[in-house]
Protein backbone atom coordinates (compact mmCIF):
# COMPACT_ATOMS: atom_id res chain seq x y z
CA MET A 1 -4.85 0.62 19.16
CA GLU A 2 -1.05 0.21 20.05
CA HIS A 3 1.10 1.62 16.96
CA LEU A 4 4.32 -0.14 16.33
CA PRO A 5 7.20 2.75 15.83
CA GLN A 6 7.64 3.26 12.25
CA GLN A 7 10.88 4.56 10.25
CA SER A 8 11.44 7.73 8.16
CA ILE A 9 13.70 6.01 5.84
CA TYR A 10 10.95 5.41 2.97
CA ASP A 11 11.79 6.48 -1.05
CA ASP A 12 10.01 9.44 -2.51
CA HIS A 13 8.29 7.92 -5.53
CA GLY A 14 5.26 7.52 -7.83
CA ARG A 15 4.73 4.21 -7.79
CA PRO A 16 3.73 3.56 -11.05
CA GLU A 17 3.13 -0.36 -10.75
CA VAL A 18 0.05 1.10 -8.22
CA ALA A 19 -0.87 4.19 -10.02
CA ALA A 20 -1.74 2.13 -13.02
CA LEU A 21 -4.87 0.86 -11.16
CA ILE A 22 -5.96 4.54 -10.06
CA PRO A 23 -9.42 4.66 -11.19
CA GLN A 24 -10.55 7.53 -13.95
CA GLY A 25 -13.18 10.25 -12.90
CA LEU A 26 -12.90 10.37 -9.18
CA GLY A 27 -12.91 13.62 -7.17
CA SER A 28 -11.06 12.99 -3.60
CA ALA A 29 -8.52 10.26 -2.57
CA LEU A 30 -6.94 9.71 0.74
CA ASP A 31 -3.41 8.64 0.92
CA VAL A 32 -2.50 6.79 3.98
CA GLY A 33 0.99 6.41 5.35
CA CYS A 34 1.93 8.90 2.45
CA GLY A 35 5.35 8.61 3.78
CA PRO A 36 7.96 11.96 1.73
CA GLY A 37 4.84 12.01 -0.40
CA GLY A 38 5.89 10.92 -3.61
CA PHE A 39 2.37 9.11 -4.46
CA GLY A 40 0.80 12.50 -4.04
CA LEU A 41 1.78 13.27 -7.38
CA SER A 42 0.39 10.24 -8.85
CA LEU A 43 -2.67 11.04 -7.60
CA ARG A 44 -2.81 14.62 -8.39
CA GLU A 45 -1.61 13.86 -12.01
CA CYS A 46 -4.53 10.79 -12.54
CA LEU A 47 -7.14 12.90 -10.98
CA GLY A 48 -6.82 16.57 -11.79
CA ALA A 49 -6.02 19.50 -10.41
CA GLN A 50 -9.83 19.91 -9.22
CA ALA A 51 -9.52 16.47 -7.00
CA ARG A 52 -9.63 16.96 -3.16
CA VAL A 53 -6.15 14.91 -2.72
CA VAL A 54 -5.41 14.59 1.27
CA GLY A 55 -2.26 12.50 3.14
CA ILE A 56 -1.66 11.12 6.09
CA GLU A 57 1.73 9.93 8.16
CA ALA A 58 2.98 8.80 11.44
CA MET A 59 6.40 10.30 10.65
CA ASP A 60 6.26 13.83 11.42
CA ASP A 61 9.50 14.89 9.57
CA GLN A 62 8.06 12.66 6.34
CA ALA A 63 4.58 14.38 6.24
CA ALA A 64 6.77 17.92 6.44
CA VAL A 65 8.38 16.78 3.07
CA ALA A 66 4.75 15.62 1.64
CA ARG A 67 3.53 18.78 2.40
CA VAL A 68 5.42 20.63 -0.13
CA GLY A 69 5.34 20.19 -3.60
CA HIS A 70 3.93 16.86 -4.00
CA GLY A 71 0.67 17.67 -4.92
CA PHE A 72 -1.66 17.06 -1.73
CA ASP A 73 -3.94 19.68 -0.67
CA ARG A 74 -3.19 18.75 2.97
CA VAL A 75 -1.21 16.31 4.77
CA TYR A 76 -1.91 15.02 8.17
CA SER A 77 0.75 14.16 10.83
CA GLY A 78 -0.51 11.03 13.07
CA TYR A 79 -2.04 7.68 12.61
CA TYR A 80 -4.88 6.25 10.62
CA PRO A 81 -7.66 6.47 10.93
CA GLN A 82 -7.95 8.55 14.58
CA GLY A 83 -5.78 11.15 12.65
CA ILE A 84 -8.34 11.97 9.99
CA PRO A 85 -10.45 15.16 11.25
CA ALA A 86 -14.16 14.71 11.49
CA TYR A 87 -14.73 17.22 9.46
CA GLU A 88 -12.93 15.78 6.48
CA GLU A 89 -15.61 14.27 3.88
CA PRO A 90 -15.55 10.48 2.73
CA PHE A 91 -13.31 9.92 -0.20
CA ASP A 92 -13.59 8.40 -3.36
CA LEU A 93 -10.33 6.57 -3.10
CA VAL A 94 -8.72 5.50 -0.10
CA CYS A 95 -5.08 4.08 -0.57
CA PHE A 96 -2.50 2.03 1.30
CA ASN A 97 0.80 1.47 -0.54
CA ASP A 98 2.75 -0.69 1.94
CA VAL A 99 0.95 0.26 5.27
CA LEU A 100 -1.68 -2.78 5.80
CA GLU A 101 1.50 -5.28 6.77
CA HIS A 102 2.73 -2.78 9.35
CA LEU A 103 -0.62 -2.98 11.55
CA TRP A 104 -1.46 -5.00 14.06
CA ASP A 105 -5.07 -5.27 13.02
CA PRO A 106 -5.33 -4.65 9.33
CA TRP A 107 -8.33 -6.23 8.96
CA GLN A 108 -10.30 -3.72 11.51
CA ILE A 109 -8.31 -0.84 9.76
CA LEU A 110 -10.16 -2.14 6.60
CA ARG A 111 -13.82 -2.34 8.63
CA GLU A 112 -12.97 1.46 9.66
CA THR A 113 -12.13 2.46 6.31
CA HIS A 114 -16.00 2.23 5.39
CA ASN A 115 -16.32 5.33 7.74
CA HIS A 116 -13.95 7.29 5.36
CA LEU A 117 -15.66 6.03 2.03
CA VAL A 118 -18.42 7.23 -0.17
CA PRO A 119 -20.98 4.62 -1.04
CA GLY A 120 -19.14 2.48 -3.68
CA GLY A 121 -15.84 3.53 -2.91
CA VAL A 122 -12.63 2.43 -3.82
CA VAL A 123 -9.35 1.00 -1.53
CA LEU A 124 -6.09 0.80 -3.39
CA ALA A 125 -3.60 -1.26 -1.52
CA ALA A 126 0.10 -2.82 -2.61
CA ILE A 127 0.91 -5.17 -0.05
CA PRO A 128 4.54 -7.35 -0.08
CA SER A 129 4.16 -10.98 -0.51
CA ILE A 130 5.86 -13.40 2.18
CA GLN A 131 5.57 -16.23 -0.92
CA TYR A 132 8.06 -14.35 -2.74
CA LEU A 133 10.95 -16.69 -3.97
CA PRO A 134 13.76 -14.86 -2.74
CA GLU A 135 12.64 -14.68 0.67
CA LEU A 136 11.30 -18.34 0.60
CA SER A 137 14.72 -19.34 -0.18
CA ARG A 138 16.27 -17.57 2.68
CA VAL A 139 13.79 -19.30 4.92
CA VAL A 140 14.71 -22.87 3.32
CA ARG A 141 18.10 -22.45 4.35
CA GLY A 142 16.72 -21.15 8.18
CA ARG A 143 17.16 -17.70 7.79
CA TRP A 144 14.35 -15.24 8.65
CA ASP A 145 16.54 -11.71 8.76
CA TYR A 146 15.00 -8.48 8.95
CA THR A 147 15.97 -5.86 7.33
CA ASP A 148 15.07 -1.57 7.26
CA GLY A 149 13.18 -2.09 3.88
CA GLY A 150 11.41 -4.74 1.50
CA THR A 151 9.43 -7.71 2.60
CA LEU A 152 10.97 -8.26 5.71
CA ASP A 153 10.72 -4.94 7.12
CA ARG A 154 11.79 -4.90 10.73
CA THR A 155 8.49 -2.65 11.09
CA HIS A 156 6.27 -5.48 9.34
CA VAL A 157 4.09 -7.34 11.92
CA ARG A 158 1.88 -9.14 9.51
CA PHE A 159 2.33 -10.99 6.29
CA PHE A 160 0.30 -12.10 3.51
CA THR A 161 -0.14 -14.59 0.07
CA ARG A 162 -2.17 -13.13 -2.72
CA ALA A 163 -4.64 -15.45 -1.42
CA THR A 164 -4.99 -14.22 2.16
CA MET A 165 -4.88 -10.70 0.91
CA VAL A 166 -7.64 -11.11 -1.47
CA GLY A 167 -9.29 -12.87 1.60
CA MET A 168 -8.97 -10.33 3.78
CA PHE A 169 -10.77 -7.49 1.65
CA GLU A 170 -13.52 -10.05 0.74
CA GLU A 171 -13.97 -10.83 4.33
CA ASN A 172 -14.40 -7.24 5.52
CA GLY A 173 -16.79 -5.71 2.89
CA TYR A 174 -14.69 -5.19 -0.68
CA GLU A 175 -15.28 -6.62 -3.56
CA VAL A 176 -11.72 -7.17 -4.94
CA GLU A 177 -11.82 -5.58 -8.65
CA ALA A 178 -8.08 -6.54 -9.33
CA CYS A 179 -5.14 -8.10 -8.04
CA VAL A 180 -2.00 -7.43 -9.93
CA PRO A 181 1.52 -8.71 -9.56
CA ALA A 182 4.63 -5.99 -9.40
CA ASN A 183 8.18 -5.71 -9.01
CA SER A 184 9.16 -9.12 -10.54
CA MET A 185 12.34 -11.18 -8.98
CA PHE A 186 13.45 -11.04 -12.80
CA ARG A 187 14.16 -7.31 -12.81
CA PHE A 188 17.52 -8.40 -10.90
CA ARG A 189 20.67 -9.83 -12.68
CA ARG A 190 20.99 -12.58 -10.34
CA TYR A 191 17.78 -14.06 -10.73
CA ARG A 192 17.56 -14.15 -14.52
CA ARG A 193 19.14 -17.47 -15.51
CA TYR A 194 15.96 -18.98 -13.41
CA ARG A 195 13.14 -17.32 -16.41
CA LEU A 196 12.81 -20.39 -17.77
CA LEU A 197 11.21 -21.77 -14.26
CA ARG A 198 8.59 -18.62 -14.73
CA PRO A 199 5.57 -20.98 -15.38
CA LEU A 200 6.46 -22.83 -12.18
CA ILE A 201 7.25 -20.53 -9.77
CA ARG A 202 3.55 -18.70 -10.46
CA ASP A 203 2.90 -16.13 -7.85
CA MET A 204 6.51 -16.79 -6.01
CA GLU A 205 8.10 -14.32 -9.00
CA TRP A 206 6.31 -11.14 -7.45
CA MET A 207 7.46 -9.10 -4.26
CA HIS A 208 4.14 -7.30 -4.47
CA PHE A 209 0.32 -7.73 -5.54
CA VAL A 210 -1.68 -4.65 -5.97
CA ILE A 211 -5.26 -4.88 -5.01
CA ARG A 212 -7.92 -2.55 -6.11
CA ALA A 213 -11.17 -3.28 -4.17
CA ARG A 214 -14.59 -1.82 -3.91
CA LEU A 215 -16.66 -1.02 -0.99
CA VAL A 216 -19.71 -3.03 -1.32
């Protein structure tokens, strides 16, 4: 499968809004598109010292950073899933933090992930929502401007709403256990005067949704 070139610009942070949904008591996890590795520290903290924590990252320079002091047992350079060696045992948890929207065929990737999960294993994914009101307001004004990051990251090739995220998982062999909103527009001061509209804008408030889904 052809891959779109990626960027080496993403932040090194632990994604607490995603870490809150890591199931307890798991013995292994794979962080797909781990970037410079910040979420590896969250996985290690949640799963403990004995867990097998593995990363894979398409950008060699980002993978090199992730290998040092980020909680991973090993980090592979390459694209998922072909970059995972055959000797790696299936995982209890596979994570896609801001990854699926970068892929030409995330539906197929979720199906192929069946092979990298134990029976009943879990996928955890943070996905930006194209229904995010600040982006919709720009579209209404006739603008769809790609940027280096955010909802319209120039390397995004797929766009989802909350409903279509859930549907993607359910149609490809998973039961969605949770779909939690994250990163409210109201964290920015310029939008806070509109907080009284929160009951009306609903899903449009949120930049991301975090999905936890179990293989069925």
